[in-house]
């Protein structure tokens, strides 16, 4: 899977203000910023991102995805430093 394909999958199924992806096509790290995360615990945020992939984790198209999920307010604090 390419960077563009993964970004499109996530952003098509979750409203995102920011997505930053790094990886080798199978193992990925993602920073996802979405107002949809407001009021959600960390595990719920990760579940929302994993849900955007459909069966691609089970089919091993995406073998690993490490997620950092933030609300826009949390991201603003982190990036203001």
N, C-alpha and C. Protein backbone atom coordinates (compact mmCIF):
# COMPACT_ATOMS: atom_id res chain seq x y z
N UNK A 1 0.84 -1.17 0.00
CA UNK A 1 0.00 0.00 0.00
C UNK A 1 0.89 1.24 0.00
N UNK A 2 0.50 2.22 -0.78
CA UNK A 2 1.28 3.45 -0.86
C UNK A 2 0.82 4.45 0.20
N UNK A 3 1.65 5.44 0.42
CA UNK A 3 1.34 6.53 1.33
C UNK A 3 0.01 7.18 0.93
N UNK A 4 -0.14 7.45 -0.35
CA UNK A 4 -1.34 8.12 -0.85
C UNK A 4 -2.58 7.27 -0.65
N UNK A 5 -2.47 5.96 -0.89
CA UNK A 5 -3.62 5.06 -0.70
C UNK A 5 -4.06 5.04 0.76
N UNK A 6 -3.10 4.93 1.67
CA UNK A 6 -3.43 4.89 3.09
C UNK A 6 -4.03 6.22 3.54
N UNK A 7 -3.44 7.32 3.11
CA UNK A 7 -3.98 8.62 3.47
C UNK A 7 -5.41 8.79 2.96
N UNK A 8 -5.66 8.36 1.74
CA UNK A 8 -7.01 8.46 1.17
C UNK A 8 -7.99 7.59 1.94
N UNK A 9 -7.59 6.39 2.31
CA UNK A 9 -8.45 5.50 3.09
C UNK A 9 -8.88 6.16 4.40
N UNK A 10 -7.91 6.68 5.11
CA UNK A 10 -8.21 7.29 6.41
C UNK A 10 -9.06 8.54 6.23
N UNK A 11 -8.65 9.44 5.36
CA UNK A 11 -9.35 10.72 5.22
C UNK A 11 -10.72 10.58 4.56
N UNK A 12 -10.93 9.52 3.79
CA UNK A 12 -12.24 9.31 3.17
C UNK A 12 -13.27 8.80 4.17
N UNK A 13 -12.81 8.20 5.23
CA UNK A 13 -13.71 7.57 6.19
C UNK A 13 -13.71 8.23 7.56
N UNK A 14 -12.90 9.29 7.72
CA UNK A 14 -12.81 9.99 8.99
C UNK A 14 -12.45 11.44 8.68
N UNK A 15 -13.27 12.39 9.13
CA UNK A 15 -12.92 13.80 8.86
C UNK A 15 -11.64 14.18 9.60
N UNK A 16 -10.61 14.54 8.85
CA UNK A 16 -9.30 14.83 9.44
C UNK A 16 -8.85 16.24 9.12
N UNK A 17 -8.32 16.89 10.13
CA UNK A 17 -7.72 18.20 9.93
C UNK A 17 -6.26 18.07 9.52
N UNK A 18 -5.65 16.94 9.91
CA UNK A 18 -4.23 16.72 9.60
C UNK A 18 -3.94 15.22 9.66
N UNK A 19 -3.16 14.74 8.70
CA UNK A 19 -2.67 13.36 8.71
C UNK A 19 -1.20 13.41 8.32
N UNK A 20 -0.38 12.74 9.10
CA UNK A 20 1.04 12.61 8.79
C UNK A 20 1.37 11.13 8.84
N UNK A 21 1.84 10.57 7.74
CA UNK A 21 2.15 9.15 7.65
C UNK A 21 3.61 8.92 7.32
N UNK A 22 4.20 7.96 7.99
CA UNK A 22 5.52 7.48 7.62
C UNK A 22 5.47 5.97 7.63
N UNK A 23 6.24 5.36 6.76
CA UNK A 23 6.25 3.90 6.74
C UNK A 23 6.86 3.36 5.48
N UNK A 24 6.88 2.02 5.42
CA UNK A 24 7.53 1.33 4.31
C UNK A 24 6.55 0.61 3.39
N UNK A 25 5.26 0.89 3.53
CA UNK A 25 4.27 0.24 2.69
C UNK A 25 3.54 -0.88 3.41
N UNK A 26 4.10 -1.39 4.50
CA UNK A 26 3.48 -2.45 5.28
C UNK A 26 3.39 -2.04 6.75
N UNK A 27 4.45 -1.43 7.26
CA UNK A 27 4.51 -0.95 8.63
C UNK A 27 4.39 0.57 8.60
N UNK A 28 3.41 1.10 9.33
CA UNK A 28 3.12 2.53 9.26
C UNK A 28 3.04 3.17 10.63
N UNK A 29 3.35 4.45 10.67
CA UNK A 29 3.11 5.30 11.83
C UNK A 29 2.24 6.46 11.33
N UNK A 30 1.19 6.75 12.09
CA UNK A 30 0.26 7.80 11.68
C UNK A 30 0.00 8.77 12.81
N UNK A 31 0.00 10.05 12.46
CA UNK A 31 -0.50 11.09 13.33
C UNK A 31 -1.80 11.55 12.68
N UNK A 32 -2.89 11.42 13.41
CA UNK A 32 -4.20 11.77 12.87
C UNK A 32 -4.84 12.79 13.80
N UNK A 33 -5.24 13.92 13.23
CA UNK A 33 -5.89 14.98 13.99
C UNK A 33 -7.31 15.10 13.45
N UNK A 34 -8.29 14.92 14.34
CA UNK A 34 -9.68 14.96 13.92
C UNK A 34 -10.58 15.48 15.03
N UNK A 35 -11.51 16.34 14.66
CA UNK A 35 -12.50 16.81 15.63
C UNK A 35 -13.44 15.68 16.03
N UNK A 36 -13.47 14.61 15.26
CA UNK A 36 -14.29 13.44 15.59
C UNK A 36 -13.79 12.75 16.87
N UNK A 37 -12.57 13.05 17.29
CA UNK A 37 -12.00 12.46 18.50
C UNK A 37 -12.44 13.17 19.78
N UNK A 38 -13.12 14.30 19.65
CA UNK A 38 -13.55 15.07 20.83
C UNK A 38 -14.36 14.17 21.76
N UNK A 39 -13.98 14.14 23.03
CA UNK A 39 -14.71 13.37 24.03
C UNK A 39 -14.45 11.88 24.02
N UNK A 40 -13.55 11.42 23.15
CA UNK A 40 -13.26 9.99 23.07
C UNK A 40 -11.99 9.65 23.82
N UNK A 41 -11.98 8.47 24.42
CA UNK A 41 -10.77 7.96 25.04
C UNK A 41 -9.81 7.50 23.94
N UNK A 42 -8.56 7.30 24.31
CA UNK A 42 -7.52 6.93 23.35
C UNK A 42 -7.88 5.66 22.58
N UNK A 43 -8.37 4.64 23.27
CA UNK A 43 -8.72 3.38 22.59
C UNK A 43 -9.83 3.60 21.58
N UNK A 44 -10.78 4.46 21.88
CA UNK A 44 -11.86 4.75 20.94
C UNK A 44 -11.33 5.47 19.70
N UNK A 45 -10.38 6.34 19.90
CA UNK A 45 -9.77 7.05 18.77
C UNK A 45 -9.04 6.07 17.86
N UNK A 46 -8.28 5.17 18.46
CA UNK A 46 -7.56 4.18 17.67
C UNK A 46 -8.53 3.28 16.92
N UNK A 47 -9.60 2.89 17.56
CA UNK A 47 -10.61 2.06 16.91
C UNK A 47 -11.21 2.77 15.71
N UNK A 48 -11.44 4.07 15.83
CA UNK A 48 -11.99 4.84 14.70
C UNK A 48 -11.04 4.82 13.51
N UNK A 49 -9.74 4.98 13.78
CA UNK A 49 -8.75 4.97 12.70
C UNK A 49 -8.65 3.57 12.10
N UNK A 50 -8.56 2.54 12.93
CA UNK A 50 -8.50 1.16 12.42
C UNK A 50 -9.73 0.83 11.57
N UNK A 51 -10.89 1.34 11.96
CA UNK A 51 -12.13 1.06 11.21
C UNK A 51 -12.05 1.59 9.78
N UNK A 52 -11.28 2.64 9.55
CA UNK A 52 -11.17 3.20 8.20
C UNK A 52 -10.46 2.25 7.24
N UNK A 53 -9.70 1.29 7.79
CA UNK A 53 -8.93 0.37 6.96
C UNK A 53 -9.74 -0.83 6.49
N UNK A 54 -10.93 -1.01 7.03
CA UNK A 54 -11.73 -2.17 6.66
C UNK A 54 -10.97 -3.44 6.97
N UNK A 55 -10.92 -4.38 6.05
CA UNK A 55 -10.24 -5.65 6.25
C UNK A 55 -8.77 -5.65 5.88
N UNK A 56 -8.21 -4.49 5.63
CA UNK A 56 -6.82 -4.45 5.16
C UNK A 56 -5.81 -4.88 6.22
N UNK A 57 -6.16 -4.77 7.50
CA UNK A 57 -5.26 -5.27 8.56
C UNK A 57 -5.31 -6.80 8.58
N UNK A 58 -6.50 -7.37 8.43
CA UNK A 58 -6.65 -8.82 8.44
C UNK A 58 -6.02 -9.48 7.21
N UNK A 59 -6.07 -8.79 6.09
CA UNK A 59 -5.50 -9.35 4.86
C UNK A 59 -3.99 -9.12 4.78
N UNK A 60 -3.44 -8.43 5.78
CA UNK A 60 -2.01 -8.13 5.86
C UNK A 60 -1.55 -7.10 4.83
N UNK A 61 -2.50 -6.43 4.19
CA UNK A 61 -2.15 -5.34 3.28
C UNK A 61 -1.47 -4.22 4.06
N UNK A 62 -1.96 -4.02 5.28
CA UNK A 62 -1.31 -3.14 6.25
C UNK A 62 -0.97 -4.04 7.42
N UNK A 63 0.29 -4.31 7.63
CA UNK A 63 0.69 -5.25 8.68
C UNK A 63 0.66 -4.60 10.06
N UNK A 64 1.13 -3.36 10.15
CA UNK A 64 1.18 -2.69 11.44
C UNK A 64 0.91 -1.20 11.25
N UNK A 65 0.14 -0.64 12.18
CA UNK A 65 -0.16 0.78 12.16
C UNK A 65 -0.08 1.31 13.57
N UNK A 66 0.91 2.15 13.82
CA UNK A 66 1.06 2.82 15.11
C UNK A 66 0.37 4.17 14.98
N UNK A 67 -0.53 4.47 15.91
CA UNK A 67 -1.37 5.66 15.79
C UNK A 67 -1.15 6.62 16.95
N UNK A 68 -1.03 7.89 16.60
CA UNK A 68 -1.12 8.98 17.56
C UNK A 68 -2.31 9.80 17.11
N UNK A 69 -3.35 9.82 17.94
CA UNK A 69 -4.61 10.46 17.57
C UNK A 69 -4.89 11.65 18.49
N UNK A 70 -5.12 12.81 17.89
CA UNK A 70 -5.30 14.04 18.64
C UNK A 70 -6.54 14.80 18.17
N UNK A 71 -7.12 15.56 19.09
CA UNK A 71 -8.14 16.52 18.70
C UNK A 71 -7.39 17.75 18.16
N UNK A 72 -8.09 18.62 17.44
CA UNK A 72 -7.41 19.83 16.96
C UNK A 72 -6.83 20.68 18.10
N UNK A 73 -7.51 20.76 19.23
CA UNK A 73 -6.99 21.55 20.36
C UNK A 73 -5.72 20.92 20.93
N UNK A 74 -5.70 19.61 21.06
CA UNK A 74 -4.51 18.92 21.55
C UNK A 74 -3.34 19.12 20.59
N UNK A 75 -3.61 19.03 19.31
CA UNK A 75 -2.58 19.20 18.28
C UNK A 75 -2.03 20.62 18.30
N UNK A 76 -2.90 21.61 18.49
CA UNK A 76 -2.46 23.00 18.54
C UNK A 76 -1.50 23.21 19.70
N UNK A 77 -1.76 22.60 20.84
CA UNK A 77 -0.87 22.73 21.99
C UNK A 77 0.47 22.07 21.68
N UNK A 78 0.44 20.89 21.10
CA UNK A 78 1.68 20.15 20.79
C UNK A 78 2.55 20.88 19.77
N UNK A 79 1.94 21.47 18.77
CA UNK A 79 2.70 22.10 17.69
C UNK A 79 3.08 23.54 18.00
N UNK A 80 2.52 24.10 19.07
CA UNK A 80 2.86 25.48 19.45
C UNK A 80 4.18 25.58 20.18
N UNK A 81 4.72 24.44 20.60
CA UNK A 81 5.94 24.45 21.40
C UNK A 81 7.17 24.65 20.56
